[in-house]
Amino acid sequence: MIDLTQYLWIMWLVFVILCVIIEVLTLEFTFMMIAAGSLIGGLGANVIGAEWWVQILAAATISGLLLFTIRPLLLKTLNRGEPPALTNVDALVGMNARATAPFVAGTGFVKLANGETWSARLAEQFEAITLIEGDRVVVTRIDGATAEVAPRERSETP
């Protein structure tokens, strides 16, 4: 009968390669730590001639240590920096705009700084203010397809 334990090193290499492939797809350093632990612990123990259960125990121990010590440091370093850029309607909040026609009953249309024209309504605390064409506003919130705006300053030319 063939002793399969002599081929354990092949299984360790296949497992390490599989973990690296999964890591490339997930990019969270979890499978990289498992791969490193298996390479150092499992394959390393196999090279020195340890029993199969010692190889598994060494791989699990080193993988666990790497997961709880090195991975958090890598993630902290990777996530350091500026917050991600706002996109879609989140990027519109705070954007300057101009009224394209007089607001009637607190609603009207504005042209945003990015060139888009949106239906708009005045923010609740500014409903008593009348906006005319050309007045500057700032987007305070997006509600569906309507931009909620607040006045900035009145334009000098109508």
N, C-alpha and C. Protein backbone atom coordinates (compact mmCIF):
# COMPACT_ATOMS: atom_id res chain seq x y z
N MET A 1 0.84 -1.18 0.00
CA MET A 1 0.00 0.00 0.00
C MET A 1 0.89 1.25 0.00
N ILE A 2 0.46 2.29 -0.72
CA ILE A 2 1.24 3.51 -0.86
C ILE A 2 1.01 4.40 0.35
N ASP A 3 2.09 4.98 0.84
CA ASP A 3 2.01 5.91 1.96
C ASP A 3 1.79 7.32 1.41
N LEU A 4 0.56 7.85 1.56
CA LEU A 4 0.21 9.17 1.00
C LEU A 4 0.84 10.33 1.75
N THR A 5 1.36 10.08 2.95
CA THR A 5 1.96 11.17 3.70
C THR A 5 3.23 11.70 3.04
N GLN A 6 3.83 10.90 2.17
CA GLN A 6 5.02 11.38 1.48
C GLN A 6 4.68 12.43 0.42
N TYR A 7 3.38 12.55 0.06
CA TYR A 7 2.94 13.54 -0.92
C TYR A 7 2.23 14.74 -0.28
N LEU A 8 2.34 14.87 1.03
CA LEU A 8 1.69 15.98 1.71
C LEU A 8 2.22 17.34 1.25
N TRP A 9 3.48 17.41 0.89
CA TRP A 9 4.04 18.67 0.47
C TRP A 9 3.33 19.20 -0.77
N ILE A 10 2.86 18.30 -1.65
CA ILE A 10 2.13 18.72 -2.84
C ILE A 10 0.78 19.31 -2.43
N MET A 11 0.12 18.67 -1.46
CA MET A 11 -1.16 19.18 -0.98
C MET A 11 -0.99 20.55 -0.31
N TRP A 12 0.12 20.75 0.41
CA TRP A 12 0.36 22.06 1.03
C TRP A 12 0.56 23.13 -0.05
N LEU A 13 1.32 22.82 -1.07
CA LEU A 13 1.54 23.79 -2.15
C LEU A 13 0.25 24.12 -2.89
N VAL A 14 -0.57 23.10 -3.17
CA VAL A 14 -1.85 23.34 -3.84
C VAL A 14 -2.75 24.20 -2.96
N PHE A 15 -2.78 23.93 -1.65
CA PHE A 15 -3.59 24.71 -0.73
C PHE A 15 -3.12 26.16 -0.67
N VAL A 16 -1.82 26.36 -0.64
CA VAL A 16 -1.26 27.72 -0.61
C VAL A 16 -1.63 28.47 -1.89
N ILE A 17 -1.48 27.83 -3.03
CA ILE A 17 -1.81 28.47 -4.31
C ILE A 17 -3.30 28.80 -4.38
N LEU A 18 -4.14 27.89 -3.90
CA LEU A 18 -5.58 28.13 -3.87
C LEU A 18 -5.93 29.33 -2.98
N CYS A 19 -5.29 29.42 -1.83
CA CYS A 19 -5.53 30.55 -0.93
C CYS A 19 -5.07 31.87 -1.56
N VAL A 20 -3.96 31.85 -2.26
CA VAL A 20 -3.47 33.07 -2.93
C VAL A 20 -4.45 33.49 -4.02
N ILE A 21 -4.98 32.56 -4.77
CA ILE A 21 -5.96 32.89 -5.81
C ILE A 21 -7.21 33.51 -5.19
N ILE A 22 -7.70 32.92 -4.10
CA ILE A 22 -8.87 33.47 -3.42
C ILE A 22 -8.55 34.87 -2.87
N GLU A 23 -7.35 35.05 -2.36
CA GLU A 23 -6.96 36.36 -1.84
C GLU A 23 -6.95 37.41 -2.93
N VAL A 24 -6.51 37.07 -4.11
CA VAL A 24 -6.49 38.02 -5.22
C VAL A 24 -7.92 38.46 -5.55
N LEU A 25 -8.89 37.57 -5.36
CA LEU A 25 -10.28 37.90 -5.65
C LEU A 25 -10.94 38.69 -4.52
N THR A 26 -10.52 38.49 -3.27
CA THR A 26 -11.19 39.14 -2.15
C THR A 26 -10.45 40.38 -1.65
N LEU A 27 -9.15 40.40 -1.69
CA LEU A 27 -8.32 41.54 -1.27
C LEU A 27 -8.58 42.00 0.16
N GLU A 28 -8.65 41.07 1.10
CA GLU A 28 -8.85 41.43 2.49
C GLU A 28 -7.76 40.85 3.40
N PHE A 29 -6.74 40.29 2.87
CA PHE A 29 -5.59 39.73 3.58
C PHE A 29 -5.91 38.50 4.43
N THR A 30 -7.14 38.02 4.44
CA THR A 30 -7.48 36.85 5.23
C THR A 30 -6.82 35.60 4.65
N PHE A 31 -7.08 35.34 3.40
CA PHE A 31 -6.53 34.14 2.78
C PHE A 31 -5.02 34.24 2.57
N MET A 32 -4.50 35.45 2.50
CA MET A 32 -3.04 35.61 2.41
C MET A 32 -2.38 35.15 3.71
N MET A 33 -3.02 35.47 4.84
CA MET A 33 -2.48 35.04 6.14
C MET A 33 -2.58 33.52 6.28
N ILE A 34 -3.68 32.94 5.79
CA ILE A 34 -3.83 31.48 5.83
C ILE A 34 -2.79 30.83 4.92
N ALA A 35 -2.56 31.43 3.76
CA ALA A 35 -1.55 30.89 2.83
C ALA A 35 -0.16 30.96 3.44
N ALA A 36 0.16 32.10 4.07
CA ALA A 36 1.48 32.24 4.68
C ALA A 36 1.65 31.27 5.84
N GLY A 37 0.62 31.12 6.65
CA GLY A 37 0.68 30.17 7.77
C GLY A 37 0.83 28.74 7.29
N SER A 38 0.16 28.40 6.21
CA SER A 38 0.26 27.05 5.65
C SER A 38 1.64 26.81 5.04
N LEU A 39 2.16 27.84 4.40
CA LEU A 39 3.48 27.71 3.78
C LEU A 39 4.56 27.56 4.85
N ILE A 40 4.50 28.45 5.86
CA ILE A 40 5.53 28.41 6.90
C ILE A 40 5.34 27.23 7.83
N GLY A 41 4.11 27.08 8.33
CA GLY A 41 3.85 26.04 9.31
C GLY A 41 3.70 24.65 8.71
N GLY A 42 2.76 24.52 7.77
CA GLY A 42 2.47 23.20 7.19
C GLY A 42 3.61 22.65 6.36
N LEU A 43 4.01 23.41 5.36
CA LEU A 43 5.09 22.95 4.48
C LEU A 43 6.42 22.91 5.22
N GLY A 44 6.63 23.90 6.11
CA GLY A 44 7.88 23.91 6.90
C GLY A 44 7.99 22.68 7.80
N ALA A 45 6.88 22.33 8.45
CA ALA A 45 6.88 21.13 9.30
C ALA A 45 7.05 19.88 8.46
N ASN A 46 6.51 19.87 7.25
CA ASN A 46 6.66 18.71 6.37
C ASN A 46 8.11 18.54 5.96
N VAL A 47 8.79 19.64 5.68
CA VAL A 47 10.19 19.58 5.26
C VAL A 47 11.08 18.99 6.35
N ILE A 48 10.79 19.33 7.62
CA ILE A 48 11.62 18.78 8.69
C ILE A 48 11.17 17.38 9.13
N GLY A 49 10.12 16.85 8.46
CA GLY A 49 9.71 15.47 8.71
C GLY A 49 8.72 15.27 9.83
N ALA A 50 7.95 16.29 10.18
CA ALA A 50 6.97 16.17 11.26
C ALA A 50 5.77 15.34 10.79
N GLU A 51 5.03 14.81 11.75
CA GLU A 51 3.82 14.05 11.46
C GLU A 51 2.77 14.96 10.83
N TRP A 52 1.77 14.37 10.16
CA TRP A 52 0.74 15.14 9.47
C TRP A 52 -0.06 16.01 10.42
N TRP A 53 -0.34 15.51 11.62
CA TRP A 53 -1.14 16.28 12.57
C TRP A 53 -0.34 17.46 13.13
N VAL A 54 0.98 17.30 13.22
CA VAL A 54 1.84 18.40 13.66
C VAL A 54 1.88 19.49 12.57
N GLN A 55 1.89 19.06 11.32
CA GLN A 55 1.88 20.01 10.21
C GLN A 55 0.60 20.86 10.22
N ILE A 56 -0.53 20.20 10.42
CA ILE A 56 -1.81 20.91 10.46
C ILE A 56 -1.86 21.85 11.66
N LEU A 57 -1.40 21.39 12.80
CA LEU A 57 -1.39 22.20 14.01
C LEU A 57 -0.48 23.43 13.83
N ALA A 58 0.68 23.23 13.24
CA ALA A 58 1.61 24.34 13.01
C ALA A 58 1.01 25.35 12.02
N ALA A 59 0.40 24.84 10.95
CA ALA A 59 -0.21 25.73 9.96
C ALA A 59 -1.35 26.53 10.58
N ALA A 60 -2.19 25.88 11.38
CA ALA A 60 -3.32 26.56 12.02
C ALA A 60 -2.83 27.60 13.02
N THR A 61 -1.82 27.26 13.79
CA THR A 61 -1.31 28.18 14.80
C THR A 61 -0.69 29.43 14.16
N ILE A 62 0.15 29.22 13.18
CA ILE A 62 0.81 30.36 12.53
C ILE A 62 -0.20 31.20 11.75
N SER A 63 -1.18 30.55 11.10
CA SER A 63 -2.22 31.29 10.39
C SER A 63 -3.03 32.15 11.36
N GLY A 64 -3.38 31.58 12.49
CA GLY A 64 -4.13 32.33 13.50
C GLY A 64 -3.34 33.52 14.02
N LEU A 65 -2.06 33.30 14.30
CA LEU A 65 -1.22 34.42 14.77
C LEU A 65 -1.13 35.53 13.72
N LEU A 66 -0.96 35.15 12.48
CA LEU A 66 -0.88 36.15 11.42
C LEU A 66 -2.21 36.89 11.25
N LEU A 67 -3.32 36.16 11.34
CA LEU A 67 -4.64 36.78 11.19
C LEU A 67 -4.90 37.82 12.27
N PHE A 68 -4.45 37.55 13.49
CA PHE A 68 -4.78 38.44 14.60
C PHE A 68 -3.68 39.45 14.92
N THR A 69 -2.52 39.35 14.28
CA THR A 69 -1.46 40.32 14.54
C THR A 69 -1.11 41.15 13.30
N ILE A 70 -0.75 40.50 12.22
CA ILE A 70 -0.28 41.20 11.02
C ILE A 70 -1.43 41.78 10.20
N ARG A 71 -2.52 41.01 10.03
CA ARG A 71 -3.64 41.47 9.19
C ARG A 71 -4.22 42.80 9.66
N PRO A 72 -4.50 43.01 10.97
CA PRO A 72 -5.03 44.32 11.37
C PRO A 72 -4.08 45.47 11.05
N LEU A 73 -2.79 45.25 11.18
CA LEU A 73 -1.82 46.30 10.84
C LEU A 73 -1.84 46.61 9.35
N LEU A 74 -1.94 45.57 8.53
CA LEU A 74 -2.00 45.78 7.09
C LEU A 74 -3.28 46.53 6.69
N LEU A 75 -4.41 46.14 7.28
CA LEU A 75 -5.67 46.81 6.96
C LEU A 75 -5.66 48.27 7.42
N LYS A 76 -5.06 48.53 8.58
CA LYS A 76 -4.98 49.90 9.08
C LYS A 76 -4.12 50.75 8.15
N THR A 77 -3.01 50.21 7.69
CA THR A 77 -2.14 50.92 6.77
C THR A 77 -2.83 51.15 5.43
N LEU A 78 -3.56 50.15 4.96
CA LEU A 78 -4.24 50.25 3.67
C LEU A 78 -5.37 51.26 3.72
N ASN A 79 -6.11 51.34 4.82
CA ASN A 79 -7.26 52.23 4.92
C ASN A 79 -6.92 53.64 5.38
N ARG A 80 -5.64 53.90 5.64
CA ARG A 80 -5.23 55.24 6.04
C ARG A 80 -5.33 56.17 4.84
N GLY A 81 -5.72 57.39 5.09
CA GLY A 81 -5.80 58.35 3.99
C GLY A 81 -7.13 59.06 3.98
N GLU A 82 -7.45 59.62 2.84
CA GLU A 82 -8.65 60.41 2.69
C GLU A 82 -9.88 59.52 2.60
N PRO A 83 -11.03 60.05 3.02
CA PRO A 83 -12.26 59.28 2.84
C PRO A 83 -12.57 59.15 1.36
N PRO A 84 -13.31 58.13 0.98
CA PRO A 84 -13.59 57.94 -0.44
C PRO A 84 -14.40 59.11 -1.01
N ALA A 85 -14.22 59.37 -2.27
CA ALA A 85 -14.92 60.47 -2.94
C ALA A 85 -16.41 60.18 -3.00
N LEU A 86 -17.22 61.23 -2.82
CA LEU A 86 -18.66 61.08 -2.91
C LEU A 86 -19.06 60.92 -4.37
N THR A 87 -20.09 60.13 -4.60
CA THR A 87 -20.56 59.89 -5.97
C THR A 87 -22.07 60.03 -6.03
N ASN A 88 -22.60 60.06 -7.23
CA ASN A 88 -24.03 60.13 -7.49
C ASN A 88 -24.66 61.32 -6.76
N VAL A 89 -25.84 61.14 -6.17
CA VAL A 89 -26.52 62.26 -5.53
C VAL A 89 -25.81 62.73 -4.28
N ASP A 90 -25.00 61.88 -3.65
CA ASP A 90 -24.24 62.30 -2.47
C ASP A 90 -23.27 63.43 -2.82
N ALA A 91 -22.78 63.46 -4.04
CA ALA A 91 -21.84 64.50 -4.45
C ALA A 91 -22.54 65.83 -4.71
N LEU A 92 -23.86 65.82 -4.84
CA LEU A 92 -24.59 67.05 -5.14
C LEU A 92 -24.82 67.92 -3.90
N VAL A 93 -24.86 67.30 -2.72
CA VAL A 93 -25.11 68.06 -1.49
C VAL A 93 -23.93 69.01 -1.26
N GLY A 94 -24.25 70.27 -1.07
CA GLY A 94 -23.22 71.29 -0.89
C GLY A 94 -22.82 71.99 -2.17
N MET A 95 -23.34 71.52 -3.31
CA MET A 95 -22.99 72.11 -4.60
C MET A 95 -23.73 73.43 -4.80
N ASN A 96 -23.06 74.40 -5.40
CA ASN A 96 -23.68 75.69 -5.72
C ASN A 96 -24.58 75.54 -6.93
N ALA A 97 -25.61 76.41 -6.99
CA ALA A 97 -26.54 76.39 -8.12
C ALA A 97 -27.12 77.79 -8.29
N ARG A 98 -27.84 77.99 -9.40
CA ARG A 98 -28.53 79.26 -9.67
C ARG A 98 -29.97 78.94 -10.05
N ALA A 99 -30.88 79.76 -9.57
CA ALA A 99 -32.28 79.62 -9.95
C ALA A 99 -32.42 79.98 -11.42
N THR A 100 -33.13 79.14 -12.19
CA THR A 100 -33.30 79.41 -13.62
C THR A 100 -34.60 80.16 -13.91
N ALA A 101 -35.49 80.24 -12.92
CA ALA A 101 -36.76 80.97 -13.04
C ALA A 101 -37.19 81.33 -11.63
N PRO A 102 -38.11 82.28 -11.50
CA PRO A 102 -38.58 82.61 -10.16
C PRO A 102 -39.24 81.40 -9.48
N PHE A 103 -39.02 81.26 -8.18
CA PHE A 103 -39.64 80.18 -7.42
C PHE A 103 -41.07 80.58 -7.09
N VAL A 104 -42.00 79.70 -7.31
CA VAL A 104 -43.40 79.93 -7.00
C VAL A 104 -43.80 78.96 -5.90
N ALA A 105 -44.30 79.46 -4.80
CA ALA A 105 -44.71 78.65 -3.65
C ALA A 105 -43.56 77.77 -3.14
N GLY A 106 -42.34 78.31 -3.22
CA GLY A 106 -41.18 77.59 -2.69
C GLY A 106 -40.60 76.53 -3.60
N THR A 107 -41.11 76.42 -4.83
CA THR A 107 -40.58 75.42 -5.78
C THR A 107 -40.19 76.10 -7.07
N GLY A 108 -39.23 75.50 -7.75
CA GLY A 108 -38.75 76.03 -9.02
C GLY A 108 -37.70 75.12 -9.61
N PHE A 109 -36.84 75.70 -10.43
CA PHE A 109 -35.77 74.94 -11.07
C PHE A 109 -34.44 75.63 -10.84
N VAL A 110 -33.39 74.82 -10.69
CA VAL A 110 -32.04 75.35 -10.51
C VAL A 110 -31.09 74.67 -11.47
N LYS A 111 -30.07 75.41 -11.85
CA LYS A 111 -28.98 74.83 -12.66
C LYS A 111 -27.79 74.67 -11.75
N LEU A 112 -27.36 73.42 -11.55
CA LEU A 112 -26.25 73.13 -10.65
C LEU A 112 -24.92 73.52 -11.29
N ALA A 113 -23.90 73.62 -10.48
CA ALA A 113 -22.56 73.99 -10.96
C ALA A 113 -22.01 72.97 -11.95
N ASN A 114 -22.52 71.74 -11.91
CA ASN A 114 -22.03 70.73 -12.85
C ASN A 114 -22.79 70.75 -14.18
N GLY A 115 -23.76 71.71 -14.32
CA GLY A 115 -24.48 71.88 -15.57
C GLY A 115 -25.85 71.21 -15.61
N GLU A 116 -26.19 70.41 -14.64
CA GLU A 116 -27.48 69.74 -14.62
C GLU A 116 -28.57 70.69 -14.13
N THR A 117 -29.76 70.55 -14.70
CA THR A 117 -30.92 71.31 -14.25
C THR A 117 -31.82 70.38 -13.44
N TRP A 118 -32.17 70.83 -12.24
CA TRP A 118 -32.99 70.03 -11.33
C TRP A 118 -34.22 70.81 -10.90
N SER A 119 -35.31 70.07 -10.67
CA SER A 119 -36.43 70.70 -9.98
C SER A 119 -35.99 70.89 -8.54
N ALA A 120 -36.45 72.00 -7.93
CA ALA A 120 -35.94 72.32 -6.60
C ALA A 120 -37.06 72.89 -5.74
N ARG A 121 -36.85 72.78 -4.45
CA ARG A 121 -37.73 73.45 -3.48
C ARG A 121 -36.83 74.03 -2.40
N LEU A 122 -37.33 75.07 -1.80
CA LEU A 122 -36.58 75.73 -0.73
C LEU A 122 -36.61 74.87 0.52
N ALA A 123 -35.51 74.89 1.25
CA ALA A 123 -35.46 74.19 2.53
C ALA A 123 -36.51 74.77 3.45
N GLU A 124 -37.00 73.97 4.37
CA GLU A 124 -38.13 74.35 5.23
C GLU A 124 -37.93 75.69 5.92
N GLN A 125 -36.75 75.96 6.45
CA GLN A 125 -36.53 77.21 7.19
C GLN A 125 -36.47 78.44 6.28
N PHE A 126 -36.41 78.26 4.96
CA PHE A 126 -36.34 79.38 4.03
C PHE A 126 -37.58 79.51 3.15
N GLU A 127 -38.67 78.84 3.48
CA GLU A 127 -39.86 78.83 2.63
C GLU A 127 -40.46 80.22 2.44
N ALA A 128 -40.24 81.13 3.37
CA ALA A 128 -40.81 82.48 3.28
C ALA A 128 -40.05 83.37 2.30
N ILE A 129 -38.86 82.96 1.89
CA ILE A 129 -38.03 83.76 0.99
C ILE A 129 -38.47 83.54 -0.45
N THR A 130 -38.44 84.60 -1.24
CA THR A 130 -38.77 84.51 -2.66
C THR A 130 -37.47 84.54 -3.46
N LEU A 131 -37.31 83.56 -4.32
CA LEU A 131 -36.13 83.53 -5.19
C LEU A 131 -36.53 83.97 -6.59
N ILE A 132 -35.65 84.74 -7.22
CA ILE A 132 -35.88 85.13 -8.61
C ILE A 132 -34.80 84.50 -9.47
N GLU A 133 -34.97 84.62 -10.77
CA GLU A 133 -34.01 84.04 -11.70
C GLU A 133 -32.62 84.61 -11.46
N GLY A 134 -31.62 83.75 -11.36
CA GLY A 134 -30.24 84.16 -11.16
C GLY A 134 -29.79 84.14 -9.72
N ASP A 135 -30.71 83.98 -8.76
CA ASP A 135 -30.31 83.92 -7.36
C ASP A 135 -29.45 82.69 -7.11
N ARG A 136 -28.45 82.88 -6.29
CA ARG A 136 -27.54 81.78 -5.96
C ARG A 136 -28.10 80.98 -4.79
N VAL A 137 -28.00 79.67 -4.91
CA VAL A 137 -28.46 78.76 -3.86
C VAL A 137 -27.41 77.68 -3.67
N VAL A 138 -27.56 76.92 -2.61
CA VAL A 138 -26.70 75.77 -2.36
C VAL A 138 -27.60 74.58 -2.07
N VAL A 139 -27.25 73.43 -2.59
CA VAL A 139 -28.04 72.21 -2.39
C VAL A 139 -27.79 71.71 -0.97
N THR A 140 -28.88 71.53 -0.22
CA THR A 140 -28.76 71.04 1.16
C THR A 140 -29.14 69.58 1.29
N ARG A 141 -29.96 69.09 0.34
CA ARG A 141 -30.41 67.70 0.42
C ARG A 141 -31.01 67.31 -0.92
N ILE A 142 -30.99 66.02 -1.23
CA ILE A 142 -31.65 65.51 -2.43
C ILE A 142 -32.78 64.61 -1.96
N ASP A 143 -33.98 64.91 -2.45
CA ASP A 143 -35.15 64.11 -2.10
C ASP A 143 -35.75 63.58 -3.39
N GLY A 144 -35.39 62.36 -3.75
CA GLY A 144 -35.85 61.79 -5.01
C GLY A 144 -35.24 62.53 -6.17
N ALA A 145 -36.12 63.15 -7.01
CA ALA A 145 -35.63 63.91 -8.16
C ALA A 145 -35.70 65.41 -7.91
N THR A 146 -35.80 65.78 -6.65
CA THR A 146 -35.89 67.20 -6.28
C THR A 146 -34.72 67.57 -5.39
N ALA A 147 -34.11 68.70 -5.72
CA ALA A 147 -33.02 69.22 -4.90
C ALA A 147 -33.60 70.20 -3.89
N GLU A 148 -33.29 70.00 -2.63
CA GLU A 148 -33.68 70.97 -1.61
C GLU A 148 -32.55 71.97 -1.51
N VAL A 149 -32.89 73.27 -1.60
CA VAL A 149 -31.86 74.30 -1.67
C VAL A 149 -32.07 75.35 -0.60
N ALA A 150 -31.01 76.06 -0.30
CA ALA A 150 -31.03 77.20 0.62
C ALA A 150 -30.39 78.37 -0.10
N PRO A 151 -30.91 79.59 0.08
CA PRO A 151 -30.33 80.75 -0.62
C PRO A 151 -28.94 81.09 -0.10
N ARG A 152 -28.12 81.59 -1.01
CA ARG A 152 -26.79 82.07 -0.63
C ARG A 152 -26.80 83.58 -0.58
N GLU A 153 -26.87 84.20 -1.74
CA GLU A 153 -26.89 85.67 -1.81
C GLU A 153 -27.63 86.05 -3.09
N ARG A 154 -28.25 87.16 -3.07
CA ARG A 154 -29.02 87.60 -4.25
C ARG A 154 -28.08 88.17 -5.30
N SER A 155 -28.34 87.80 -6.56
CA SER A 155 -27.49 88.32 -7.65
C SER A 155 -27.82 89.79 -7.89
N GLU A 156 -26.86 90.52 -8.43
CA GLU A 156 -27.03 91.95 -8.64
C GLU A 156 -27.70 92.23 -9.98
N THR A 157 -27.53 91.30 -10.94
CA THR A 157 -28.19 91.50 -12.23
C THR A 157 -29.29 90.48 -12.38
N PRO A 158 -30.52 90.92 -12.74
CA PRO A 158 -31.63 89.98 -12.84
C PRO A 158 -31.55 89.06 -14.00
